[in-house]
Amino acid sequence: MAALTRIALVAIVLLSLDRAGAQEATPPPNRNDFWKAEMPAGDYLVLLKAIRSISQHEYIVEGVAKVFEVSIATDSSVIARFYFLDPATPDSPAGLGQSTINLAEEKARELLDRTGDNALTSKVIKSYPVATHAHTVEYRVTSRDTLDKLYKHLERCWVTDRGGVFKP
């Protein structure tokens, strides 16, 4: 009888520990907890609560192109960047001449013709290892308007804490 009582007590303790653990466990996230971007070159999915900052900014890269960018910083070491490239104009601060711009556009057209890949304008192009960014996920969009829409969608989802899916 004493052995049976001890077994019953052990069972009660184990059941109470199991219930206590179950109460402390957080519920699994649902689709409203995430923001997703379904891009032509791949998808990006992030837990809204993991986002620490978002930004929208522009800069010029080596006088060749103006970059419009949306960045997402999270709890992890990964930063997501979505960007649109706009060729620099002759009146840009870099003072790039029209012949250089024409040459760059011609080379881009040649590359498109050679590869037959019209989606090339939506793919990130890197010169490894010079232009790679550790812990960076990059997506290229085909227009500034698309980038603006992406930022507004992301901002609305993040501020209201309601997930969503952005499709360009």
Protein backbone atom coordinates (compact mmCIF):
# COMPACT_ATOMS: atom_id res chain seq x y z
CA MET A 1 0.00 0.00 0.00
CA ALA A 2 2.83 2.41 0.83
CA ALA A 3 4.45 1.67 -2.53
CA LEU A 4 1.17 2.39 -4.31
CA THR A 5 0.84 5.70 -2.45
CA ARG A 6 4.37 6.72 -3.45
CA ILE A 7 3.66 5.84 -7.09
CA ALA A 8 0.46 7.90 -6.97
CA LEU A 9 2.33 10.88 -5.45
CA VAL A 10 5.07 10.67 -8.09
CA ALA A 11 2.42 10.56 -10.82
CA ILE A 12 0.66 13.63 -9.37
CA VAL A 13 3.95 15.56 -9.15
CA LEU A 14 4.86 14.64 -12.73
CA LEU A 15 1.43 15.66 -14.01
CA SER A 16 1.58 18.99 -12.17
CA LEU A 17 5.07 19.69 -13.60
CA ASP A 18 3.82 18.86 -17.09
CA ARG A 19 0.86 21.24 -16.68
CA ALA A 20 3.08 24.01 -15.30
CA GLY A 21 5.39 23.64 -18.30
CA ALA A 22 2.45 23.74 -20.68
CA GLN A 23 1.14 26.96 -19.08
CA GLU A 24 4.52 28.67 -19.45
CA ALA A 25 4.95 27.71 -23.10
CA THR A 26 4.12 30.47 -25.56
CA PRO A 27 1.51 29.74 -28.18
CA PRO A 28 2.82 29.13 -31.69
CA PRO A 29 2.75 32.18 -33.95
CA ASN A 30 -0.01 32.53 -36.53
CA ARG A 31 0.09 34.13 -39.98
CA ASN A 32 -0.86 37.55 -38.58
CA ASP A 33 2.43 37.56 -36.65
CA PHE A 34 4.52 37.69 -39.84
CA TRP A 35 5.35 40.05 -42.70
CA LYS A 36 6.26 38.42 -46.00
CA ALA A 37 7.61 39.81 -49.27
CA GLU A 38 7.15 37.53 -52.26
CA MET A 39 9.79 38.84 -54.67
CA PRO A 40 10.67 37.56 -58.17
CA ALA A 41 14.09 36.37 -56.95
CA GLY A 42 12.89 34.85 -53.66
CA ASP A 43 10.78 35.38 -50.56
CA TYR A 44 11.50 37.15 -47.26
CA LEU A 45 9.56 36.25 -44.11
CA VAL A 46 10.00 37.91 -40.72
CA LEU A 47 8.24 37.78 -37.38
CA LEU A 48 6.81 41.28 -36.78
CA LYS A 49 7.92 41.28 -33.14
CA ALA A 50 11.50 40.63 -34.27
CA ILE A 51 11.65 43.85 -36.33
CA ARG A 52 13.56 46.60 -34.51
CA SER A 53 13.68 49.28 -37.21
CA ILE A 54 12.76 49.98 -40.79
CA SER A 55 14.18 52.72 -42.98
CA GLN A 56 13.76 54.18 -46.43
CA HIS A 57 16.68 56.17 -47.85
CA GLU A 58 18.69 56.93 -50.98
CA TYR A 59 22.35 57.27 -51.89
CA ILE A 60 24.68 57.36 -54.91
CA VAL A 61 27.04 54.47 -55.62
CA GLU A 62 30.38 55.47 -57.14
CA GLY A 63 28.72 58.06 -59.39
CA VAL A 64 27.09 55.34 -61.49
CA ALA A 65 23.64 54.91 -59.97
CA LYS A 66 21.29 56.36 -57.42
CA VAL A 67 20.04 53.69 -55.01
CA PHE A 68 16.67 53.90 -53.30
CA GLU A 69 16.58 51.41 -50.45
CA VAL A 70 14.32 50.00 -47.73
CA SER A 71 16.15 48.24 -44.89
CA ILE A 72 14.77 46.02 -42.14
CA ALA A 73 16.80 45.42 -38.97
CA THR A 74 15.71 42.55 -36.72
CA ASP A 75 16.68 40.80 -33.49
CA SER A 76 18.89 38.53 -35.59
CA SER A 77 22.14 39.48 -37.27
CA VAL A 78 20.42 39.49 -40.69
CA ILE A 79 19.46 42.77 -42.35
CA ALA A 80 17.05 42.71 -45.28
CA ARG A 81 17.52 45.28 -48.05
CA PHE A 82 15.09 46.00 -50.86
CA TYR A 83 16.34 48.45 -53.47
CA PHE A 84 15.78 50.14 -56.82
CA LEU A 85 18.71 51.32 -58.97
CA ASP A 86 18.33 54.49 -61.03
CA PRO A 87 21.18 55.44 -63.41
CA ALA A 88 22.90 58.68 -62.32
CA THR A 89 22.09 61.68 -64.51
CA PRO A 90 24.62 64.17 -65.92
CA ASP A 91 23.44 66.83 -63.48
CA SER A 92 23.94 64.52 -60.53
CA PRO A 93 26.41 65.55 -57.80
CA ALA A 94 28.79 62.95 -59.17
CA GLY A 95 29.01 64.89 -62.47
CA LEU A 96 28.78 61.76 -64.58
CA GLY A 97 28.65 62.45 -68.33
CA GLN A 98 25.85 61.30 -70.65
CA SER A 99 28.25 59.15 -72.70
CA THR A 100 29.10 57.11 -69.59
CA ILE A 101 25.41 56.64 -68.82
CA ASN A 102 24.73 55.60 -72.43
CA LEU A 103 27.60 53.09 -72.27
CA ALA A 104 26.28 51.61 -69.01
CA GLU A 105 22.77 51.29 -70.48
CA GLU A 106 24.18 49.70 -73.65
CA LYS A 107 26.13 47.13 -71.61
CA ALA A 108 23.01 46.32 -69.60
CA ARG A 109 21.02 45.79 -72.83
CA GLU A 110 23.79 43.55 -74.22
CA LEU A 111 23.74 41.47 -71.06
CA LEU A 112 19.97 41.09 -71.28
CA ASP A 113 20.24 40.06 -74.94
CA ARG A 114 23.02 37.54 -74.21
CA THR A 115 21.36 35.94 -71.22
CA GLY A 116 17.81 36.12 -72.53
CA ASP A 117 16.81 36.82 -68.94
CA ASN A 118 14.36 39.70 -68.87
CA ALA A 119 14.01 39.20 -65.13
CA LEU A 120 17.61 40.35 -64.71
CA THR A 121 16.40 43.79 -63.65
CA SER A 122 14.83 42.20 -60.56
CA LYS A 123 17.92 40.22 -59.51
CA VAL A 124 20.73 41.36 -57.27
CA ILE A 125 24.12 41.40 -59.00
CA LYS A 126 27.23 41.19 -56.82
CA SER A 127 30.94 41.12 -57.44
CA TYR A 128 32.14 38.43 -55.04
CA PRO A 129 33.81 38.95 -52.59
CA VAL A 130 34.05 42.73 -52.99
CA ALA A 131 30.36 43.55 -52.89
CA THR A 132 28.97 40.84 -50.67
CA HIS A 133 27.52 41.83 -47.33
CA ALA A 134 27.71 39.41 -44.44
CA HIS A 135 24.33 38.84 -42.81
CA THR A 136 22.51 40.75 -45.55
CA VAL A 137 19.60 39.54 -47.64
CA GLU A 138 19.03 41.69 -50.72
CA TYR A 139 16.14 42.05 -53.15
CA ARG A 140 16.03 44.29 -56.20
CA VAL A 141 12.77 45.84 -57.38
CA THR A 142 12.06 47.18 -60.85
CA SER A 143 10.65 50.60 -59.95
CA ARG A 144 10.76 53.28 -57.30
CA ASP A 145 6.97 53.08 -57.06
CA THR A 146 7.21 49.38 -56.11
CA LEU A 147 9.77 50.22 -53.42
CA ASP A 148 7.54 52.98 -52.01
CA LYS A 149 4.57 50.59 -51.91
CA LEU A 150 6.69 47.95 -50.18
CA TYR A 151 7.76 50.44 -47.48
CA LYS A 152 4.21 51.69 -46.87
CA HIS A 153 2.90 48.12 -46.63
CA LEU A 154 5.68 47.09 -44.25
CA GLU A 155 5.22 50.19 -42.09
CA ARG A 156 1.45 49.67 -41.83
CA CYS A 157 1.88 46.00 -40.86
CA TRP A 158 4.59 46.75 -38.32
CA VAL A 159 2.84 49.71 -36.67
CA THR A 160 -0.53 47.95 -36.43
CA ASP A 161 1.10 44.63 -35.45
CA ARG A 162 -0.88 42.81 -38.14
CA GLY A 163 0.97 40.63 -40.60
CA GLY A 164 0.64 40.75 -44.32
CA VAL A 165 2.08 39.68 -47.65
CA PHE A 166 3.60 42.13 -50.13
CA LYS A 167 3.67 41.11 -53.80
CA PRO A 168 5.17 43.54 -56.34
